[in-house]
Amino acid sequence: MAISKDLLEILVCPVCKATVEMKADQSGLRCVQCHRVYPIRDDIPVMLIDEAKIEE
């Protein structure tokens, strides 16, 4: 089950409060401003700063 569009509309990056977008491979949510990627585990986004990885 994919993450609903309604949920994606309300989720923001916990660091900079910018919007997040689904990565192309659907493995995580990527912040459009600070480029942190939050993983998705069992169809649940893990929006913890310590779990995020920064991608360029």
PDB file of N, CA and C in Angstrom:
ATOM      1  N   MET A   1       0.830  -1.181   0.000  1.00  0.00           N
ATOM      2  CA  MET A   1       0.000   0.000   0.000  1.00  0.00           C
ATOM      3  C   MET A   1       0.878   1.249   0.000  1.00  0.00           C
ATOM      4  N   ALA A   2       0.625   2.130  -0.916  1.00  0.00           N
ATOM      5  CA  ALA A   2       1.413   3.352  -1.030  1.00  0.00           C
ATOM      6  C   ALA A   2       0.903   4.408  -0.049  1.00  0.00           C
ATOM      7  N   ILE A   3       1.725   5.404   0.174  1.00  0.00           N
ATOM      8  CA  ILE A   3       1.333   6.515   1.043  1.00  0.00           C
ATOM      9  C   ILE A   3       0.315   7.373   0.296  1.00  0.00           C
ATOM     10  N   SER A   4      -0.761   7.728   0.960  1.00  0.00           N
ATOM     11  CA  SER A   4      -1.839   8.481   0.309  1.00  0.00           C
ATOM     12  C   SER A   4      -1.392   9.913   0.000  1.00  0.00           C
ATOM     13  N   LYS A   5      -2.015  10.477  -1.021  1.00  0.00           N
ATOM     14  CA  LYS A   5      -1.716  11.854  -1.398  1.00  0.00           C
ATOM     15  C   LYS A   5      -2.135  12.817  -0.301  1.00  0.00           C
ATOM     16  N   ASP A   6      -3.187  12.494   0.427  1.00  0.00           N
ATOM     17  CA  ASP A   6      -3.632  13.347   1.534  1.00  0.00           C
ATOM     18  C   ASP A   6      -2.551  13.439   2.607  1.00  0.00           C
ATOM     19  N   LEU A   7      -1.922  12.309   2.920  1.00  0.00           N
ATOM     20  CA  LEU A   7      -0.855  12.307   3.919  1.00  0.00           C
ATOM     21  C   LEU A   7       0.352  13.083   3.422  1.00  0.00           C
ATOM     22  N   LEU A   8       0.713  12.907   2.164  1.00  0.00           N
ATOM     23  CA  LEU A   8       1.856  13.632   1.608  1.00  0.00           C
ATOM     24  C   LEU A   8       1.639  15.143   1.638  1.00  0.00           C
ATOM     25  N   GLU A   9       0.389  15.581   1.503  1.00  0.00           N
ATOM     26  CA  GLU A   9       0.094  17.011   1.507  1.00  0.00           C
ATOM     27  C   GLU A   9       0.334  17.651   2.875  1.00  0.00           C
ATOM     28  N   ILE A  10       0.181  16.869   3.960  1.00  0.00           N
ATOM     29  CA  ILE A  10       0.334  17.468   5.290  1.00  0.00           C
ATOM     30  C   ILE A  10       1.703  17.222   5.912  1.00  0.00           C
ATOM     31  N   LEU A  11       2.476  16.282   5.374  1.00  0.00           N
ATOM     32  CA  LEU A  11       3.802  16.009   5.926  1.00  0.00           C
ATOM     33  C   LEU A  11       4.790  17.094   5.523  1.00  0.00           C
ATOM     34  N   VAL A  12       5.624  17.501   6.465  1.00  0.00           N
ATOM     35  CA  VAL A  12       6.702  18.454   6.202  1.00  0.00           C
ATOM     36  C   VAL A  12       7.969  17.939   6.860  1.00  0.00           C
ATOM     37  N   CYS A  13       9.081  18.452   6.424  1.00  0.00           N
ATOM     38  CA  CYS A  13      10.372  18.101   7.009  1.00  0.00           C
ATOM     39  C   CYS A  13      10.416  18.623   8.442  1.00  0.00           C
ATOM     40  N   PRO A  14      10.766  17.778   9.413  1.00  0.00           N
ATOM     41  CA  PRO A  14      10.820  18.239  10.794  1.00  0.00           C
ATOM     42  C   PRO A  14      11.967  19.224  11.072  1.00  0.00           C
ATOM     43  N   VAL A  15      12.927  19.323  10.176  1.00  0.00           N
ATOM     44  CA  VAL A  15      14.055  20.232  10.378  1.00  0.00           C
ATOM     45  C   VAL A  15      13.726  21.640   9.869  1.00  0.00           C
ATOM     46  N   CYS A  16      13.343  21.742   8.593  1.00  0.00           N
ATOM     47  CA  CYS A  16      13.165  23.065   7.985  1.00  0.00           C
ATOM     48  C   CYS A  16      11.710  23.394   7.644  1.00  0.00           C
ATOM     49  N   LYS A  17      10.808  22.459   7.871  1.00  0.00           N
ATOM     50  CA  LYS A  17       9.363  22.643   7.638  1.00  0.00           C
ATOM     51  C   LYS A  17       8.984  22.800   6.173  1.00  0.00           C
ATOM     52  N   ALA A  18       9.860  22.401   5.267  1.00  0.00           N
ATOM     53  CA  ALA A  18       9.557  22.437   3.836  1.00  0.00           C
ATOM     54  C   ALA A  18       8.778  21.181   3.453  1.00  0.00           C
ATOM     55  N   THR A  19       8.186  21.188   2.275  1.00  0.00           N
ATOM     56  CA  THR A  19       7.419  20.029   1.820  1.00  0.00           C
ATOM     57  C   THR A  19       8.351  18.867   1.493  1.00  0.00           C
ATOM     58  N   VAL A  20       7.804  17.673   1.543  1.00  0.00           N
ATOM     59  CA  VAL A  20       8.549  16.471   1.182  1.00  0.00           C
ATOM     60  C   VAL A  20       7.876  15.823  -0.020  1.00  0.00           C
ATOM     61  N   GLU A  21       8.683  15.156  -0.844  1.00  0.00           N
ATOM     62  CA  GLU A  21       8.189  14.474  -2.040  1.00  0.00           C
ATOM     63  C   GLU A  21       8.655  13.033  -2.010  1.00  0.00           C
ATOM     64  N   MET A  22       7.874  12.163  -2.602  1.00  0.00           N
ATOM     65  CA  MET A  22       8.235  10.759  -2.705  1.00  0.00           C
ATOM     66  C   MET A  22       9.407  10.612  -3.669  1.00  0.00           C
ATOM     67  N   LYS A  23      10.396   9.826  -3.271  1.00  0.00           N
ATOM     68  CA  LYS A  23      11.514   9.539  -4.178  1.00  0.00           C
ATOM     69  C   LYS A  23      11.004   8.685  -5.331  1.00  0.00           C
ATOM     70  N   ALA A  24      11.716   8.693  -6.425  1.00  0.00           N
ATOM     71  CA  ALA A  24      11.295   7.955  -7.612  1.00  0.00           C
ATOM     72  C   ALA A  24      11.152   6.457  -7.344  1.00  0.00           C
ATOM     73  N   ASP A  25      12.054   5.910  -6.502  1.00  0.00           N
ATOM     74  CA  ASP A  25      11.985   4.478  -6.208  1.00  0.00           C
ATOM     75  C   ASP A  25      11.062   4.160  -5.026  1.00  0.00           C
ATOM     76  N   GLN A  26      10.402   5.178  -4.495  1.00  0.00           N
ATOM     77  CA  GLN A  26       9.442   5.073  -3.392  1.00  0.00           C
ATOM     78  C   GLN A  26      10.048   4.477  -2.120  1.00  0.00           C
ATOM     79  N   SER A  27      11.349   4.690  -1.923  1.00  0.00           N
ATOM     80  CA  SER A  27      12.018   4.174  -0.729  1.00  0.00           C
ATOM     81  C   SER A  27      12.020   5.185   0.414  1.00  0.00           C
ATOM     82  N   GLY A  28      11.635   6.426   0.120  1.00  0.00           N
ATOM     83  CA  GLY A  28      11.649   7.443   1.152  1.00  0.00           C
ATOM     84  C   GLY A  28      11.024   8.739   0.691  1.00  0.00           C
ATOM     85  N   LEU A  29      10.952   9.681   1.623  1.00  0.00           N
ATOM     86  CA  LEU A  29      10.434  11.010   1.339  1.00  0.00           C
ATOM     87  C   LEU A  29      11.587  11.993   1.395  1.00  0.00           C
ATOM     88  N   ARG A  30      11.729  12.808   0.352  1.00  0.00           N
ATOM     89  CA  ARG A  30      12.857  13.730   0.232  1.00  0.00           C
ATOM     90  C   ARG A  30      12.379  15.151   0.429  1.00  0.00           C
ATOM     91  N   CYS A  31      13.065  15.876   1.305  1.00  0.00           N
ATOM     92  CA  CYS A  31      12.767  17.284   1.549  1.00  0.00           C
ATOM     93  C   CYS A  31      13.243  18.102   0.353  1.00  0.00           C
ATOM     94  N   VAL A  32      12.397  19.004  -0.117  1.00  0.00           N
ATOM     95  CA  VAL A  32      12.752  19.804  -1.287  1.00  0.00           C
ATOM     96  C   VAL A  32      13.748  20.907  -0.959  1.00  0.00           C
ATOM     97  N   GLN A  33      13.901  21.244   0.325  1.00  0.00           N
ATOM     98  CA  GLN A  33      14.794  22.345   0.693  1.00  0.00           C
ATOM     99  C   GLN A  33      16.141  21.855   1.230  1.00  0.00           C
ATOM    100  N   CYS A  34      16.138  20.999   2.245  1.00  0.00           N
ATOM    101  CA  CYS A  34      17.406  20.594   2.861  1.00  0.00           C
ATOM    102  C   CYS A  34      17.899  19.231   2.355  1.00  0.00           C
ATOM    103  N   HIS A  35      17.132  18.572   1.488  1.00  0.00           N
ATOM    104  CA  HIS A  35      17.517  17.332   0.808  1.00  0.00           C
ATOM    105  C   HIS A  35      17.685  16.130   1.735  1.00  0.00           C
ATOM    106  N   ARG A  36      17.082  16.174   2.914  1.00  0.00           N
ATOM    107  CA  ARG A  36      17.086  14.989   3.779  1.00  0.00           C
ATOM    108  C   ARG A  36      16.085  13.984   3.235  1.00  0.00           C
ATOM    109  N   VAL A  37      16.438  12.719   3.346  1.00  0.00           N
ATOM    110  CA  VAL A  37      15.545  11.648   2.905  1.00  0.00           C
ATOM    111  C   VAL A  37      15.133  10.847   4.125  1.00  0.00           C
ATOM    112  N   TYR A  38      13.831  10.802   4.344  1.00  0.00           N
ATOM    113  CA  TYR A  38      13.262  10.057   5.456  1.00  0.00           C
ATOM    114  C   TYR A  38      12.778   8.716   4.932  1.00  0.00           C
ATOM    115  N   PRO A  39      13.203   7.610   5.557  1.00  0.00           N
ATOM    116  CA  PRO A  39      12.857   6.288   5.041  1.00  0.00           C
ATOM    117  C   PRO A  39      11.382   5.953   5.245  1.00  0.00           C
ATOM    118  N   ILE A  40      10.912   5.003   4.448  1.00  0.00           N
ATOM    119  CA  ILE A  40       9.563   4.466   4.598  1.00  0.00           C
ATOM    120  C   ILE A  40       9.713   3.002   4.968  1.00  0.00           C
ATOM    121  N   ARG A  41       9.145   2.628   6.106  1.00  0.00           N
ATOM    122  CA  ARG A  41       9.215   1.238   6.573  1.00  0.00           C
ATOM    123  C   ARG A  41       7.805   0.719   6.786  1.00  0.00           C
ATOM    124  N   ASP A  42       7.482  -0.394   6.167  1.00  0.00           N
ATOM    125  CA  ASP A  42       6.149  -0.995   6.280  1.00  0.00           C
ATOM    126  C   ASP A  42       5.064   0.017   5.945  1.00  0.00           C
ATOM    127  N   ASP A  43       5.282   0.776   4.877  1.00  0.00           N
ATOM    128  CA  ASP A  43       4.351   1.795   4.387  1.00  0.00           C
ATOM    129  C   ASP A  43       4.126   2.943   5.368  1.00  0.00           C
ATOM    130  N   ILE A  44       5.048   3.138   6.308  1.00  0.00           N
ATOM    131  CA  ILE A  44       4.950   4.229   7.279  1.00  0.00           C
ATOM    132  C   ILE A  44       6.193   5.101   7.164  1.00  0.00           C
ATOM    133  N   PRO A  45       6.016   6.405   6.878  1.00  0.00           N
ATOM    134  CA  PRO A  45       7.180   7.286   6.808  1.00  0.00           C
ATOM    135  C   PRO A  45       7.773   7.515   8.199  1.00  0.00           C
ATOM    136  N   VAL A  46       9.076   7.358   8.300  1.00  0.00           N
ATOM    137  CA  VAL A  46       9.782   7.563   9.568  1.00  0.00           C
ATOM    138  C   VAL A  46      10.356   8.971   9.529  1.00  0.00           C
ATOM    139  N   MET A  47       9.636   9.909  10.137  1.00  0.00           N
ATOM    140  CA  MET A  47       9.992  11.325  10.061  1.00  0.00           C
ATOM    141  C   MET A  47      10.837  11.754  11.259  1.00  0.00           C
ATOM    142  N   LEU A  48      11.818  10.957  11.599  1.00  0.00           N
ATOM    143  CA  LEU A  48      12.735  11.272  12.693  1.00  0.00           C
ATOM    144  C   LEU A  48      14.027  11.828  12.118  1.00  0.00           C
ATOM    145  N   ILE A  49      14.513  12.906  12.681  1.00  0.00           N
ATOM    146  CA  ILE A  49      15.723  13.555  12.176  1.00  0.00           C
ATOM    147  C   ILE A  49      16.914  12.598  12.207  1.00  0.00           C
ATOM    148  N   ASP A  50      17.034  11.797  13.253  1.00  0.00           N
ATOM    149  CA  ASP A  50      18.154  10.859  13.370  1.00  0.00           C
ATOM    150  C   ASP A  50      18.114   9.753  12.328  1.00  0.00           C
ATOM    151  N   GLU A  51      16.965   9.482  11.756  1.00  0.00           N
ATOM    152  CA  GLU A  51      16.825   8.424  10.750  1.00  0.00           C
ATOM    153  C   GLU A  51      17.084   8.935   9.325  1.00  0.00           C
ATOM    154  N   ALA A  52      17.087  10.248   9.142  1.00  0.00           N
ATOM    155  CA  ALA A  52      17.223  10.836   7.813  1.00  0.00           C
ATOM    156  C   ALA A  52      18.671  10.804   7.330  1.00  0.00           C
ATOM    157  N   LYS A  53      18.805  10.729   6.016  1.00  0.00           N
ATOM    158  CA  LYS A  53      20.108  10.824   5.354  1.00  0.00           C
ATOM    159  C   LYS A  53      20.045  11.987   4.382  1.00  0.00           C
ATOM    160  N   ILE A  54      21.141  12.724   4.283  1.00  0.00           N
ATOM    161  CA  ILE A  54      21.173  13.871   3.371  1.00  0.00           C
ATOM    162  C   ILE A  54      21.703  13.417   2.022  1.00  0.00           C
ATOM    163  N   GLU A  55      20.921  13.716   0.972  1.00  0.00           N
ATOM    164  CA  GLU A  55      21.320  13.401  -0.397  1.00  0.00           C
ATOM    165  C   GLU A  55      21.522  14.709  -1.158  1.00  0.00           C
ATOM    166  N   GLU A  56      22.456  14.702  -2.058  1.00  0.00           N
ATOM    167  CA  GLU A  56      22.710  15.893  -2.887  1.00  0.00           C
ATOM    168  C   GLU A  56      21.942  15.830  -4.160  1.00  0.00           C
TER     169      GLU A  56
END
